[in-house]
């Protein structure tokens, strides 16, 4: 398990490292792959949705979501239905699932983990220069698709939201625009979503997001 955690970290640095991190990570990753057997990733890798989920005839409450978090709630609902096969529905602001009491309790734990990761990673990403509130839809979609291995590519990639243009001002008072990230929110989020699925600690994922943002701003 520790070897898989190290492999994921090195792969992330090899793809997006800065200031020499990329070359060093590629070298360390090559050595790790030579020494370790990664032929059984499903058995050796943690998985939020691994195990048996038991259905029931009556819907049980899983967790509530505020109107501001409907997008996160719908992502959690889709993940449960796809990975567990258990039908979910909304009742007022509460996510319900046709699950046994034990399974409902486990789904609550999974849902809290996913929602906490989604909220915190968006909070961090939204604070970066050049990111606007309209980018949230693509970011949350990317987290969900990455977590479920449903990543879109090519023409299927959703268009990035464009912020409203500010009113024109006199040239004498115009200020230079601050540096901002140009990375697509969806593309950034998919790599993070994959790590949520494999139970990588939030602090580690947030650290990698910070490195991506820093690398883009200093490029």
Foldseek 3Di string as FASTA:
>chain_A
DVLVVLLLLLVLCLVFNPDPSNVVSVVVNVVSPVVDDCPDVVVPFAFLLDDAFAFAPDKDWQAFDDPVCVLLVVLLQVCCCVRHVWHWDDDPRTIITRGDPVNSPSSNVLSVLSSVLLVVLCVLVCPFPPHDPQLSNLLSVLLSCLLVVNDDDDPPRDDGDDDDDDDDDDPVPDDDRQQGAPDRSSVLNSSLSNVSRRVDDSVSSSVSSVSNSVSRRVD
